[in-house]
C-alpha atoms as a PDB file:
ATOM      1  CA  MET A   1     201.316 131.279 168.028  1.00  0.00           C
ATOM      2  CA  PHE A   2     202.852 133.982 170.228  1.00  0.00           C
ATOM      3  CA  GLU A   3     204.044 131.320 172.664  1.00  0.00           C
ATOM      4  CA  GLN A   4     205.886 129.541 169.824  1.00  0.00           C
ATOM      5  CA  ILE A   5     207.519 132.772 168.700  1.00  0.00           C
ATOM      6  CA  ALA A   6     208.610 133.557 172.275  1.00  0.00           C
ATOM      7  CA  CYS A   7     210.585 130.273 172.305  1.00  0.00           C
ATOM      8  CA  LEU A   8     212.662 131.217 169.244  1.00  0.00           C
ATOM      9  CA  PRO A   9     216.351 131.969 169.991  1.00  0.00           C
ATOM     10  CA  LEU A  10     216.292 135.668 169.091  1.00  0.00           C
ATOM     11  CA  PHE A  11     212.970 136.276 170.871  1.00  0.00           C
ATOM     12  CA  GLN A  12     214.006 134.866 174.247  1.00  0.00           C
ATOM     13  CA  GLY A  13     213.188 137.190 177.116  1.00  0.00           C
ATOM     14  CA  VAL A  14     210.405 138.936 175.189  1.00  0.00           C
ATOM     15  CA  SER A  15     206.850 138.646 176.525  1.00  0.00           C
ATOM     16  CA  THR A  16     203.998 137.349 174.372  1.00  0.00           C
ATOM     17  CA  GLU A  17     202.257 140.708 174.884  1.00  0.00           C
ATOM     18  CA  ARG A  18     205.266 142.497 173.401  1.00  0.00           C
ATOM     19  CA  ILE A  19     205.330 140.060 170.474  1.00  0.00           C
ATOM     20  CA  SER A  20     201.623 140.607 169.770  1.00  0.00           C
ATOM     21  CA  ARG A  21     202.244 144.353 169.512  1.00  0.00           C
ATOM     22  CA  LEU A  22     205.186 143.760 167.179  1.00  0.00           C
ATOM     23  CA  VAL A  23     203.069 141.618 164.860  1.00  0.00           C
ATOM     24  CA  GLU A  24     200.695 144.555 164.490  1.00  0.00           C
ATOM     25  CA  LYS A  25     203.531 146.863 163.376  1.00  0.00           C
ATOM     26  CA  ILE A  26     206.024 144.613 161.562  1.00  0.00           C
ATOM     27  CA  PRO A  27     205.124 142.099 158.813  1.00  0.00           C
ATOM     28  CA  PHE A  28     205.675 138.547 160.088  1.00  0.00           C
ATOM     29  CA  HIS A  29     205.629 136.164 157.116  1.00  0.00           C
ATOM     30  CA  PHE A  30     204.766 132.554 157.996  1.00  0.00           C
ATOM     31  CA  ILE A  31     205.218 129.755 155.463  1.00  0.00           C
ATOM     32  CA  LYS A  32     204.774 125.987 155.459  1.00  0.00           C
ATOM     33  CA  VAL A  33     207.221 123.688 153.669  1.00  0.00           C
ATOM     34  CA  LYS A  34     206.767 120.033 152.837  1.00  0.00           C
ATOM     35  CA  SER A  35     209.208 117.275 153.736  1.00  0.00           C
ATOM     36  CA  GLY A  36     212.028 117.199 151.175  1.00  0.00           C
ATOM     37  CA  GLU A  37     211.393 120.750 149.945  1.00  0.00           C
ATOM     38  CA  THR A  38     214.465 122.956 149.473  1.00  0.00           C
ATOM     39  CA  ILE A  39     214.410 126.032 151.730  1.00  0.00           C
ATOM     40  CA  VAL A  40     217.857 127.480 150.963  1.00  0.00           C
ATOM     41  CA  THR A  41     220.406 126.705 148.252  1.00  0.00           C
ATOM     42  CA  ALA A  42     224.100 127.291 148.928  1.00  0.00           C
ATOM     43  CA  GLY A  43     225.238 130.540 147.331  1.00  0.00           C
ATOM     44  CA  THR A  44     221.879 132.266 147.834  1.00  0.00           C
ATOM     45  CA  ARG A  45     222.085 135.729 149.393  1.00  0.00           C
ATOM     46  CA  CYS A  46     220.680 135.861 152.922  1.00  0.00           C
ATOM     47  CA  GLU A  47     218.003 138.569 152.775  1.00  0.00           C
ATOM     48  CA  HIS A  48     215.670 137.257 155.470  1.00  0.00           C
ATOM     49  CA  MET A  49     215.984 136.087 159.032  1.00  0.00           C
ATOM     50  CA  ARG A  50     214.575 132.580 158.824  1.00  0.00           C
ATOM     51  CA  PHE A  51     213.169 131.097 162.018  1.00  0.00           C
ATOM     52  CA  LEU A  52     212.234 127.432 162.324  1.00  0.00           C
ATOM     53  CA  VAL A  53     208.934 127.509 164.224  1.00  0.00           C
ATOM     54  CA  SER A  54     207.924 123.845 163.831  1.00  0.00           C
ATOM     55  CA  GLY A  55     209.349 120.630 162.416  1.00  0.00           C
ATOM     56  CA  SER A  56     213.003 120.059 161.515  1.00  0.00           C
ATOM     57  CA  ILE A  57     215.421 120.837 158.706  1.00  0.00           C
ATOM     58  CA  ARG A  58     218.521 119.199 157.279  1.00  0.00           C
ATOM     59  CA  GLN A  59     221.503 121.503 156.742  1.00  0.00           C
ATOM     60  CA  VAL A  60     224.137 120.262 154.269  1.00  0.00           C
ATOM     61  CA  TYR A  61     227.542 121.959 153.973  1.00  0.00           C
ATOM     62  CA  ARG A  62     229.546 120.998 150.874  1.00  0.00           C
ATOM     63  CA  PHE A  63     233.245 121.857 150.710  1.00  0.00           C
ATOM     64  CA  ALA A  64     234.325 123.228 147.336  1.00  0.00           C
ATOM     65  CA  ASP A  65     236.706 121.131 145.247  1.00  0.00           C
ATOM     66  CA  THR A  66     236.367 118.177 147.617  1.00  0.00           C
ATOM     67  CA  LYS A  67     234.128 115.199 148.157  1.00  0.00           C
ATOM     68  CA  VAL A  68     233.381 116.167 151.769  1.00  0.00           C
ATOM     69  CA  THR A  69     229.954 117.121 153.100  1.00  0.00           C
ATOM     70  CA  VAL A  70     228.790 117.788 156.653  1.00  0.00           C
ATOM     71  CA  ALA A  71     225.068 117.381 157.307  1.00  0.00           C
ATOM     72  CA  CYS A  72     223.059 117.901 160.480  1.00  0.00           C
ATOM     73  CA  ASN A  73     219.509 118.414 161.672  1.00  0.00           C
ATOM     74  CA  LEU A  74     218.051 121.423 163.454  1.00  0.00           C
ATOM     75  CA  ASN A  75     214.778 121.067 165.322  1.00  0.00           C
ATOM     76  CA  ALA A  76     212.301 123.812 166.154  1.00  0.00           C
ATOM     77  CA  PRO A  77     212.518 126.271 167.770  1.00  0.00           C
ATOM     78  CA  ASP A  78     215.668 127.538 166.064  1.00  0.00           C
ATOM     79  CA  VAL A  79     217.036 130.050 163.567  1.00  0.00           C
ATOM     80  CA  ILE A  80     218.743 129.245 160.259  1.00  0.00           C
ATOM     81  CA  GLY A  81     222.052 130.906 159.402  1.00  0.00           C
ATOM     82  CA  ALA A  82     221.329 134.157 161.252  1.00  0.00           C
ATOM     83  CA  GLU A  83     225.002 135.187 161.117  1.00  0.00           C
ATOM     84  CA  PHE A  84     224.804 135.567 157.329  1.00  0.00           C
ATOM     85  CA  LEU A  85     222.223 138.366 157.399  1.00  0.00           C
ATOM     86  CA  PHE A  86     224.947 140.902 158.188  1.00  0.00           C
ATOM     87  CA  GLY A  87     228.512 141.556 157.060  1.00  0.00           C
ATOM     88  CA  ARG A  88     230.267 141.477 153.708  1.00  0.00           C
ATOM     89  CA  ASN A  89     229.771 137.782 153.038  1.00  0.00           C
ATOM     90  CA  ASN A  90     226.030 137.287 153.367  1.00  0.00           C
ATOM     91  CA  TYR A  91     225.631 134.238 151.147  1.00  0.00           C
ATOM     92  CA  TYR A  92     224.520 130.945 152.683  1.00  0.00           C
ATOM     93  CA  PRO A  93     227.345 128.370 152.510  1.00  0.00           C
ATOM     94  CA  PHE A  94     224.961 125.418 152.864  1.00  0.00           C
ATOM     95  CA  ASP A  95     221.785 123.862 151.509  1.00  0.00           C
ATOM     96  CA  VAL A  96     218.737 123.619 153.767  1.00  0.00           C
ATOM     97  CA  ILE A  97     216.050 121.004 153.139  1.00  0.00           C
ATOM     98  CA  ALA A  98     212.920 120.316 155.152  1.00  0.00           C
ATOM     99  CA  ASP A  99     213.497 117.020 156.971  1.00  0.00           C
ATOM    100  CA  ASN A 100     209.777 116.802 157.620  1.00  0.00           C
ATOM    101  CA  ASP A 101     206.851 119.188 157.265  1.00  0.00           C
ATOM    102  CA  ALA A 102     208.038 122.435 158.833  1.00  0.00           C
ATOM    103  CA  GLY A 103     206.833 125.927 159.615  1.00  0.00           C
ATOM    104  CA  LEU A 104     209.030 128.994 159.089  1.00  0.00           C
ATOM    105  CA  LEU A 105     208.820 132.627 160.115  1.00  0.00           C
ATOM    106  CA  LEU A 106     210.532 135.031 157.700  1.00  0.00           C
ATOM    107  CA  LEU A 107     211.525 138.604 158.473  1.00  0.00           C
ATOM    108  CA  THR A 108     213.214 140.846 155.916  1.00  0.00           C
ATOM    109  CA  LYS A 109     216.484 142.443 156.968  1.00  0.00           C
ATOM    110  CA  ARG A 110     214.788 145.845 157.078  1.00  0.00           C
ATOM    111  CA  ASN A 111     211.976 144.585 159.292  1.00  0.00           C
ATOM    112  CA  TYR A 112     214.369 142.689 161.538  1.00  0.00           C
ATOM    113  CA  LEU A 113     216.417 145.867 162.031  1.00  0.00           C
ATOM    114  CA  ALA A 114     213.199 147.705 162.899  1.00  0.00           C
ATOM    115  CA  MET A 115     212.503 145.006 165.486  1.00  0.00           C
ATOM    116  CA  ILE A 116     215.996 145.399 166.972  1.00  0.00           C
ATOM    117  CA  ASN A 117     215.472 149.147 167.235  1.00  0.00           C
ATOM    118  CA  SER A 118     212.165 148.619 169.030  1.00  0.00           C
ATOM    119  CA  ASP A 119     213.650 146.813 172.041  1.00  0.00           C
ATOM    120  CA  ARG A 120     217.246 146.417 173.254  1.00  0.00           C
ATOM    121  CA  ILE A 121     216.666 142.782 174.212  1.00  0.00           C
ATOM    122  CA  PHE A 122     216.534 141.896 170.512  1.00  0.00           C
ATOM    123  CA  LEU A 123     219.898 143.591 170.081  1.00  0.00           C
ATOM    124  CA  PHE A 124     221.404 141.645 172.995  1.00  0.00           C
ATOM    125  CA  ASN A 125     220.051 138.373 171.591  1.00  0.00           C
ATOM    126  CA  ILE A 126     221.544 138.845 168.120  1.00  0.00           C
ATOM    127  CA  LEU A 127     224.860 140.068 169.574  1.00  0.00           C
ATOM    128  CA  ASN A 128     225.069 136.922 171.707  1.00  0.00           C
ATOM    129  CA  LEU A 129     224.344 134.746 168.676  1.00  0.00           C
ATOM    130  CA  LEU A 130     226.923 136.524 166.499  1.00  0.00           C
ATOM    131  CA  SER A 131     229.479 136.365 169.313  1.00  0.00           C
ATOM    132  CA  GLY A 132     228.969 132.616 169.650  1.00  0.00           C
ATOM    133  CA  ALA A 133     229.424 132.128 165.901  1.00  0.00           C
ATOM    134  CA  ALA A 134     232.627 134.196 165.946  1.00  0.00           C
ATOM    135  CA  GLN A 135     233.993 132.208 168.892  1.00  0.00           C
ATOM    136  CA  ARG A 136     233.317 128.913 167.118  1.00  0.00           C
ATOM    137  CA  MET A 137     235.170 130.169 164.049  1.00  0.00           C
ATOM    138  CA  SER A 138     238.067 131.341 166.220  1.00  0.00           C
ATOM    139  CA  VAL A 139     238.545 127.729 167.293  1.00  0.00           C
ATOM    140  CA  VAL A 140     238.833 126.723 163.631  1.00  0.00           C
ATOM    141  CA  ASN A 141     241.205 129.575 162.800  1.00  0.00           C
ATOM    142  CA  ASN A 142     243.464 128.746 165.756  1.00  0.00           C
ATOM    143  CA  VAL A 143     244.095 125.142 164.743  1.00  0.00           C
ATOM    144  CA  THR A 144     247.831 124.540 165.077  1.00  0.00           C
ATOM    145  CA  SER A 145     250.255 121.759 164.283  1.00  0.00           C
ATOM    146  CA  VAL A 146     250.629 120.893 167.979  1.00  0.00           C
ATOM    147  CA  MET A 147     246.946 120.038 168.374  1.00  0.00           C
ATOM    148  CA  SER A 148     245.966 116.390 168.348  1.00  0.00           C
ATOM    149  CA  PRO A 149     244.138 114.980 165.298  1.00  0.00           C
ATOM    150  CA  THR A 150     241.067 114.495 167.515  1.00  0.00           C
ATOM    151  CA  SER A 151     241.046 118.192 168.392  1.00  0.00           C
ATOM    152  CA  LYS A 152     241.564 119.172 164.769  1.00  0.00           C
ATOM    153  CA  LEU A 153     238.565 117.086 163.737  1.00  0.00           C
ATOM    154  CA  LYS A 154     236.381 118.652 166.428  1.00  0.00           C
ATOM    155  CA  ALA A 155     237.581 122.135 165.506  1.00  0.00           C
ATOM    156  CA  PHE A 156     236.824 121.486 161.853  1.00  0.00           C
ATOM    157  CA  LEU A 157     233.261 120.419 162.660  1.00  0.00           C
ATOM    158  CA  SER A 158     232.639 123.196 165.184  1.00  0.00           C
ATOM    159  CA  GLY A 159     233.005 125.716 162.379  1.00  0.00           C
ATOM    160  CA  VAL A 160     230.134 124.271 160.317  1.00  0.00           C
ATOM    161  CA  VAL A 161     227.852 122.556 162.839  1.00  0.00           C
ATOM    162  CA  PRO A 162     225.539 125.004 164.665  1.00  0.00           C
ATOM    163  CA  PRO A 163     224.792 124.653 168.399  1.00  0.00           C
ATOM    164  CA  GLY A 164     222.000 122.231 169.162  1.00  0.00           C
ATOM    165  CA  ALA A 165     222.449 120.274 165.919  1.00  0.00           C
ATOM    166  CA  VAL A 166     221.687 116.552 165.951  1.00  0.00           C
ATOM    167  CA  ASN A 167     222.178 113.645 163.555  1.00  0.00           C
ATOM    168  CA  ILE A 168     225.588 114.941 162.481  1.00  0.00           C
ATOM    169  CA  VAL A 169     226.999 113.001 159.523  1.00  0.00           C
ATOM    170  CA  VAL A 170     230.229 113.578 157.596  1.00  0.00           C
ATOM    171  CA  ASN A 171     230.502 111.957 154.162  1.00  0.00           C
ATOM    172  CA  TYR A 172     234.016 112.011 152.817  1.00  0.00           C
ATOM    173  CA  VAL A 173     236.829 110.754 150.658  1.00  0.00           C
ATOM    174  CA  MET A 174     239.763 110.109 152.967  1.00  0.00           C
ATOM    175  CA  ARG A 175     242.277 112.159 150.972  1.00  0.00           C
ATOM    176  CA  ASP A 176     240.021 115.223 150.906  1.00  0.00           C
ATOM    177  CA  LEU A 177     239.088 115.076 154.597  1.00  0.00           C
ATOM    178  CA  CYS A 178     242.734 114.701 155.623  1.00  0.00           C
ATOM    179  CA  GLY A 179     243.586 117.747 153.520  1.00  0.00           C
ATOM    180  CA  LEU A 180     240.827 119.861 155.076  1.00  0.00           C
ATOM    181  CA  ILE A 181     241.810 118.954 158.626  1.00  0.00           C
ATOM    182  CA  GLY A 182     245.553 118.954 158.018  1.00  0.00           C
ATOM    183  CA  VAL A 183     246.392 115.466 159.268  1.00  0.00           C
ATOM    184  CA  SER A 184     247.798 112.292 157.777  1.00  0.00           C
ATOM    185  CA  ARG A 185     245.608 109.342 156.854  1.00  0.00           C
ATOM    186  CA  GLN A 186     247.006 107.263 159.712  1.00  0.00           C
ATOM    187  CA  ALA A 187     246.510 110.084 162.236  1.00  0.00           C
ATOM    188  CA  LEU A 188     242.881 110.520 161.185  1.00  0.00           C
ATOM    189  CA  MET A 189     242.202 106.790 161.407  1.00  0.00           C
ATOM    190  CA  THR A 190     243.708 106.716 164.904  1.00  0.00           C
ATOM    191  CA  ALA A 191     241.567 109.685 165.969  1.00  0.00           C
ATOM    192  CA  LEU A 192     238.406 108.068 164.608  1.00  0.00           C
ATOM    193  CA  GLU A 193     239.186 104.788 166.353  1.00  0.00           C
ATOM    194  CA  THR A 194     239.734 106.619 169.654  1.00  0.00           C
ATOM    195  CA  LEU A 195     236.453 108.522 169.357  1.00  0.00           C
ATOM    196  CA  ALA A 196     234.624 105.339 168.332  1.00  0.00           C
ATOM    197  CA  THR A 197     236.036 103.495 171.354  1.00  0.00           C
ATOM    198  CA  ASP A 198     234.725 106.320 173.558  1.00  0.00           C
ATOM    199  CA  ARG A 199     231.344 105.944 171.795  1.00  0.00           C
ATOM    200  CA  HIS A 200     231.346 109.485 170.435  1.00  0.00           C
ATOM    201  CA  LEU A 201     230.843 108.224 166.882  1.00  0.00           C
ATOM    202  CA  THR A 202     230.666 105.333 164.463  1.00  0.00           C
ATOM    203  CA  TYR A 203     232.433 105.398 161.131  1.00  0.00           C
ATOM    204  CA  ASP A 204     233.260 103.469 157.988  1.00  0.00           C
ATOM    205  CA  SER A 205     235.413 104.154 154.949  1.00  0.00           C
ATOM    206  CA  ASN A 206     233.271 107.050 153.717  1.00  0.00           C
ATOM    207  CA  SER A 207     231.075 108.345 156.539  1.00  0.00           C
ATOM    208  CA  ILE A 208     231.211 109.455 160.171  1.00  0.00           C
ATOM    209  CA  LYS A 209     228.118 109.549 162.374  1.00  0.00           C
ATOM    210  CA  TRP A 210     228.406 111.510 165.605  1.00  0.00           C
ATOM    211  CA  HIS A 211     226.502 110.266 168.648  1.00  0.00           C
ATOM    212  CA  ILE A 212     226.891 113.498 170.589  1.00  0.00           C
ATOM    213  CA  THR A 213     224.281 116.223 170.152  1.00  0.00           C
ATOM    214  CA  GLU A 214     226.818 118.788 169.015  1.00  0.00           C
ATOM    215  CA  CYS A 215     230.558 119.103 168.498  1.00  0.00           C
ATOM    216  CA  ASP A 216     232.455 119.966 171.654  1.00  0.00           C
ATOM    217  CA  THR A 217     234.884 122.847 171.523  1.00  0.00           C
ATOM    218  CA  VAL A 218     238.530 121.860 171.468  1.00  0.00           C
ATOM    219  CA  PRO A 219     239.740 121.150 175.020  1.00  0.00           C
ATOM    220  CA  ASP A 220     242.570 123.319 176.324  1.00  0.00           C
ATOM    221  CA  GLY A 221     245.913 121.563 176.320  1.00  0.00           C
ATOM    222  CA  ASP A 222     244.759 118.766 173.986  1.00  0.00           C
ATOM    223  CA  LEU A 223     248.113 118.405 172.248  1.00  0.00           C
ATOM    224  CA  GLU A 224     249.919 115.719 170.363  1.00  0.00           C
ATOM    225  CA  ASN A 225     252.202 113.559 172.446  1.00  0.00           C
END
């Protein structure tokens, strides 16, 4: 068990001996969930750090007032929505469903803070994770009119798809997706055709399936001609 915990993102660099001592002092709550069981509902306050110890989950992000959803899988070992434990907006923006039987480790915010205070490596790990999340969002916030439609699509996805995600699928109505990305219908179709030709994805009139393991960040200088 300690070896599995040591592989989790926010435990990296911590010895199994150190983890065993932590378990004696801090309540580690392990739960099992069945395939298809809902783990998190969008709009729920994040009050626990949820670690995926075994199995896989399906994360589904639904955009309000649109018919656009972005879904992806996360496989163990991983952490679910850690960036929402802190800050003013600490409500999950997505649903999480067990894709198969999965094992989770739950730590309350209070106990996670106690763990951070026990060893600086935990602090470094969470700061790195939060920094990465902020940098991904900065890509989304810096989308400009001079960026190509391909870059806008990647930037849009990078804001909602966590690192390491697989089986990334976008279900959409064309009008709504164009509005979210800020491109015309023709520009989006051209971008999709280009990415499909390069074998990054397959698509039809209402879904996009990415073949890459995660969304690349927007390349520098990727501008419209």
